[in-house]
Amino acid sequence: MRKVLLFSIGAAVFVAVLVAIGWMMLDLPMESSAPKAAAPAPASSPGASTVVATPEPAPQAKGTWTYGQNTDKLTGKATQWACLASSNELQFKPPYEGGSTGEVCFRKGQTQDAYFHISRGQISCHTDGCQVHLKAGQDETISLDAAGPRDYDPTRVILSSDVRILAAARRAESFRLEVPFFQEGRQVFIFTPAEPLDSRW
């Protein structure tokens, strides 16, 4: 009888210990296995400014004067010429797509004048004349009288006064010509000589 009593007491104590351990485990905080959410980024204040990097414009390419001479097959007389291509290229609508560059040329000899030539396009200037605008360096923009050539070539226009352009060319000064075009309106070509026009001009 005594052994049974001791066994009962021992079993009761064992159960009590197990119950106590169970309650202790229930009181412990359980960590979640789910990943913690990232902390939200701090909102920018209304007055804060956002700096956007802007690429610097590419420097305007400088052109080189080209020189040559043509001889009239009928008279045998020679005409010298000096030409400078524009440093910018314009995109016209069909049928003149593909990029259009301008060229300003001086002639002396049998003919002495200056003219503008377009690689692709149709200049809107007939033999009765038109206006071409010139801006040389920091000078004011001026108007030049111009006219289409006698052979009605729509890619060329003759400039009646070449003095201002010559002055800029001799100083190796950048200048701009604004020329009227069919279906394209007035367009600006930039000329940036790398060196002065030859002194013989």
Protein backbone atom coordinates (compact mmCIF):
# COMPACT_ATOMS: atom_id res chain seq x y z
CA MET A 1 0.00 0.00 0.00
CA ARG A 2 2.82 2.35 0.85
CA LYS A 3 4.48 1.65 -2.52
CA VAL A 4 1.28 2.47 -4.37
CA LEU A 5 0.96 5.73 -2.48
CA LEU A 6 4.54 6.73 -3.30
CA PHE A 7 4.01 5.87 -6.96
CA SER A 8 0.86 7.98 -7.10
CA ILE A 9 2.62 10.95 -5.51
CA GLY A 10 5.55 10.63 -7.95
CA ALA A 11 3.21 10.46 -10.94
CA ALA A 12 1.32 13.53 -9.74
CA VAL A 13 4.57 15.48 -9.33
CA PHE A 14 5.71 14.44 -12.83
CA VAL A 15 2.42 15.58 -14.37
CA ALA A 16 2.62 18.87 -12.49
CA VAL A 17 6.13 19.48 -13.82
CA LEU A 18 5.01 18.77 -17.38
CA VAL A 19 2.06 21.15 -17.05
CA ALA A 20 4.36 23.88 -15.68
CA ILE A 21 6.78 23.46 -18.57
CA GLY A 22 3.88 23.66 -21.05
CA TRP A 23 2.66 26.95 -19.56
CA MET A 24 6.17 28.40 -19.71
CA MET A 25 6.42 27.56 -23.39
CA LEU A 26 3.08 29.22 -24.08
CA ASP A 27 4.32 32.47 -22.48
CA LEU A 28 7.43 32.68 -24.75
CA PRO A 29 7.08 35.03 -27.83
CA MET A 30 7.01 33.12 -31.08
CA GLU A 31 9.15 34.57 -33.96
CA SER A 32 7.50 34.48 -37.38
CA SER A 33 9.38 32.71 -40.15
CA ALA A 34 7.95 35.13 -42.73
CA PRO A 35 10.47 37.70 -44.10
CA LYS A 36 10.28 41.13 -42.59
CA ALA A 37 8.94 43.89 -44.83
CA ALA A 38 11.53 46.43 -45.92
CA ALA A 39 11.29 49.82 -44.32
CA PRO A 40 9.65 52.34 -46.67
CA ALA A 41 11.99 54.85 -48.34
CA PRO A 42 11.81 58.32 -46.83
CA ALA A 43 9.54 60.56 -48.83
CA SER A 44 11.21 63.56 -50.41
CA SER A 45 10.18 66.88 -49.05
CA PRO A 46 8.04 69.10 -51.32
CA GLY A 47 10.81 71.67 -51.62
CA ALA A 48 13.52 69.19 -52.59
CA SER A 49 14.80 69.49 -56.17
CA THR A 50 15.77 66.59 -58.42
CA VAL A 51 18.97 67.06 -60.41
CA VAL A 52 18.86 65.52 -63.90
CA ALA A 53 22.14 65.13 -65.76
CA THR A 54 21.99 66.86 -69.15
CA PRO A 55 24.63 65.98 -71.75
CA GLU A 56 26.65 68.90 -73.02
CA PRO A 57 25.98 69.82 -76.66
CA ALA A 58 28.56 68.53 -79.08
CA PRO A 59 30.86 71.25 -80.42
CA GLN A 60 30.04 72.44 -83.92
CA ALA A 61 32.31 70.75 -86.45
CA LYS A 62 34.56 73.15 -88.33
CA GLY A 63 34.81 73.04 -92.09
CA THR A 64 37.74 73.48 -94.43
CA TRP A 65 37.74 75.68 -97.50
CA THR A 66 38.21 73.81 -100.77
CA TYR A 67 39.64 75.53 -103.83
CA GLY A 68 39.50 74.79 -107.52
CA GLN A 69 39.26 76.14 -111.05
CA ASN A 70 36.93 75.64 -114.01
CA THR A 71 37.72 76.55 -117.61
CA ASP A 72 35.00 77.64 -120.00
CA LYS A 73 35.04 75.31 -123.01
CA LEU A 74 33.87 78.06 -125.37
CA THR A 75 35.99 81.02 -124.31
CA GLY A 76 38.87 79.16 -122.67
CA LYS A 77 38.74 81.56 -119.73
CA ALA A 78 39.23 80.21 -116.21
CA THR A 79 37.05 80.82 -113.16
CA GLN A 80 38.45 80.09 -109.72
CA TRP A 81 36.23 79.02 -106.87
CA ALA A 82 36.42 78.55 -103.08
CA CYS A 83 33.71 76.59 -101.23
CA LEU A 84 32.83 75.82 -97.62
CA ALA A 85 30.32 73.14 -96.55
CA SER A 86 27.85 73.77 -93.73
CA SER A 87 28.60 72.19 -90.36
CA ASN A 88 24.95 71.19 -89.85
CA GLU A 89 22.72 68.84 -91.80
CA LEU A 90 18.95 69.22 -92.19
CA GLN A 91 16.34 66.53 -92.74
CA PHE A 92 13.79 67.35 -95.44
CA LYS A 93 10.61 65.53 -96.36
CA PRO A 94 10.46 63.21 -99.42
CA PRO A 95 11.61 63.30 -102.13
CA TYR A 96 14.59 65.12 -100.55
CA GLU A 97 15.10 62.88 -97.49
CA GLY A 98 18.50 61.49 -96.56
CA GLY A 99 20.11 64.62 -95.13
CA SER A 100 20.77 67.97 -96.78
CA THR A 101 23.91 70.04 -96.34
CA GLY A 102 24.54 73.54 -97.62
CA GLU A 103 27.58 75.03 -99.33
CA VAL A 104 28.61 78.62 -99.86
CA CYS A 105 31.01 79.37 -102.72
CA PHE A 106 32.89 82.36 -104.08
CA ARG A 107 33.84 82.67 -107.73
CA LYS A 108 36.22 85.04 -109.48
CA GLY A 109 37.54 85.31 -112.99
CA GLN A 110 35.10 85.26 -115.87
CA THR A 111 32.36 85.43 -113.21
CA GLN A 112 32.73 87.10 -109.81
CA ASP A 113 30.02 86.44 -107.27
CA ALA A 114 28.95 84.23 -104.37
CA TYR A 115 26.29 81.55 -104.34
CA PHE A 116 24.64 79.04 -102.03
CA HIS A 117 24.17 75.41 -103.02
CA ILE A 118 22.06 72.68 -101.38
CA SER A 119 22.93 68.98 -101.73
CA ARG A 120 19.26 67.84 -101.59
CA GLY A 121 16.29 70.15 -101.83
CA GLN A 122 14.66 72.85 -103.91
CA ILE A 123 15.43 76.49 -103.18
CA SER A 124 12.41 78.74 -103.51
CA CYS A 125 14.05 81.63 -105.35
CA HIS A 126 13.32 82.45 -108.96
CA THR A 127 15.14 84.74 -111.37
CA ASP A 128 13.03 87.67 -110.16
CA GLY A 129 14.72 87.41 -106.76
CA CYS A 130 14.27 86.53 -103.11
CA GLN A 131 15.77 87.39 -99.72
CA VAL A 132 18.51 85.45 -97.94
CA HIS A 133 19.36 86.39 -94.36
CA LEU A 134 22.92 86.51 -93.08
CA LYS A 135 24.21 86.62 -89.50
CA ALA A 136 27.98 86.82 -89.15
CA GLY A 137 29.45 86.41 -85.66
CA GLN A 138 27.84 88.83 -83.22
CA ASP A 139 26.70 91.24 -85.95
CA GLU A 140 23.07 92.02 -86.56
CA THR A 141 21.16 89.86 -89.03
CA ILE A 142 20.98 91.47 -92.46
CA SER A 143 19.05 90.70 -95.64
CA LEU A 144 20.84 89.93 -98.90
CA ASP A 145 19.25 90.17 -102.31
CA ALA A 146 19.45 86.85 -104.13
CA ALA A 147 18.20 85.35 -107.38
CA GLY A 148 17.99 81.97 -109.05
CA PRO A 149 20.68 81.18 -111.66
CA ARG A 150 20.08 81.67 -115.37
CA ASP A 151 20.03 77.91 -115.93
CA TYR A 152 17.11 77.63 -113.43
CA ASP A 153 19.01 75.17 -111.24
CA PRO A 154 16.78 74.87 -108.09
CA THR A 155 19.72 73.77 -105.93
CA ARG A 156 21.58 77.09 -106.27
CA VAL A 157 20.90 80.73 -105.48
CA ILE A 158 23.16 83.64 -106.46
CA LEU A 159 23.96 86.15 -103.71
CA SER A 160 24.14 89.68 -105.08
CA SER A 161 26.32 91.04 -102.27
CA ASP A 162 29.19 88.88 -101.11
CA VAL A 163 31.08 91.58 -99.16
CA ARG A 164 29.68 90.64 -95.73
CA ILE A 165 30.22 86.92 -96.27
CA LEU A 166 33.73 87.55 -97.55
CA ALA A 167 34.53 89.62 -94.46
CA ALA A 168 33.41 86.80 -92.15
CA ALA A 169 35.27 84.21 -94.23
CA ARG A 170 38.49 86.19 -94.11
CA ARG A 171 38.24 86.40 -90.31
CA ALA A 172 37.47 82.67 -90.01
CA GLU A 173 34.27 83.79 -88.31
CA SER A 174 31.20 81.58 -87.99
CA PHE A 175 28.22 82.77 -90.00
CA ARG A 176 24.68 81.61 -90.77
CA LEU A 177 22.55 81.78 -93.89
CA GLU A 178 18.78 81.50 -93.83
CA VAL A 179 17.47 80.35 -97.21
CA PRO A 180 13.86 79.78 -98.40
CA PHE A 181 12.95 76.27 -99.57
CA PHE A 182 10.00 74.79 -101.41
CA GLN A 183 7.67 73.03 -98.91
CA GLU A 184 10.24 73.46 -96.11
CA GLY A 185 10.07 77.20 -95.47
CA ARG A 186 13.12 79.18 -94.38
CA GLN A 187 15.98 77.03 -93.09
CA VAL A 188 19.27 78.01 -91.41
CA PHE A 189 22.67 76.63 -92.37
CA ILE A 190 25.69 77.15 -90.12
CA PHE A 191 29.18 77.70 -91.50
CA THR A 192 32.15 77.40 -89.16
CA PRO A 193 35.46 77.76 -91.02
CA ALA A 194 38.49 76.15 -89.40
CA GLU A 195 40.80 78.72 -90.99
CA PRO A 196 40.48 82.06 -92.80
CA LEU A 197 39.70 82.17 -96.49
CA ASP A 198 42.87 82.33 -98.60
CA SER A 199 44.23 85.89 -98.66
CA ARG A 200 44.11 85.94 -102.48
CA TRP A 201 40.36 86.22 -102.17
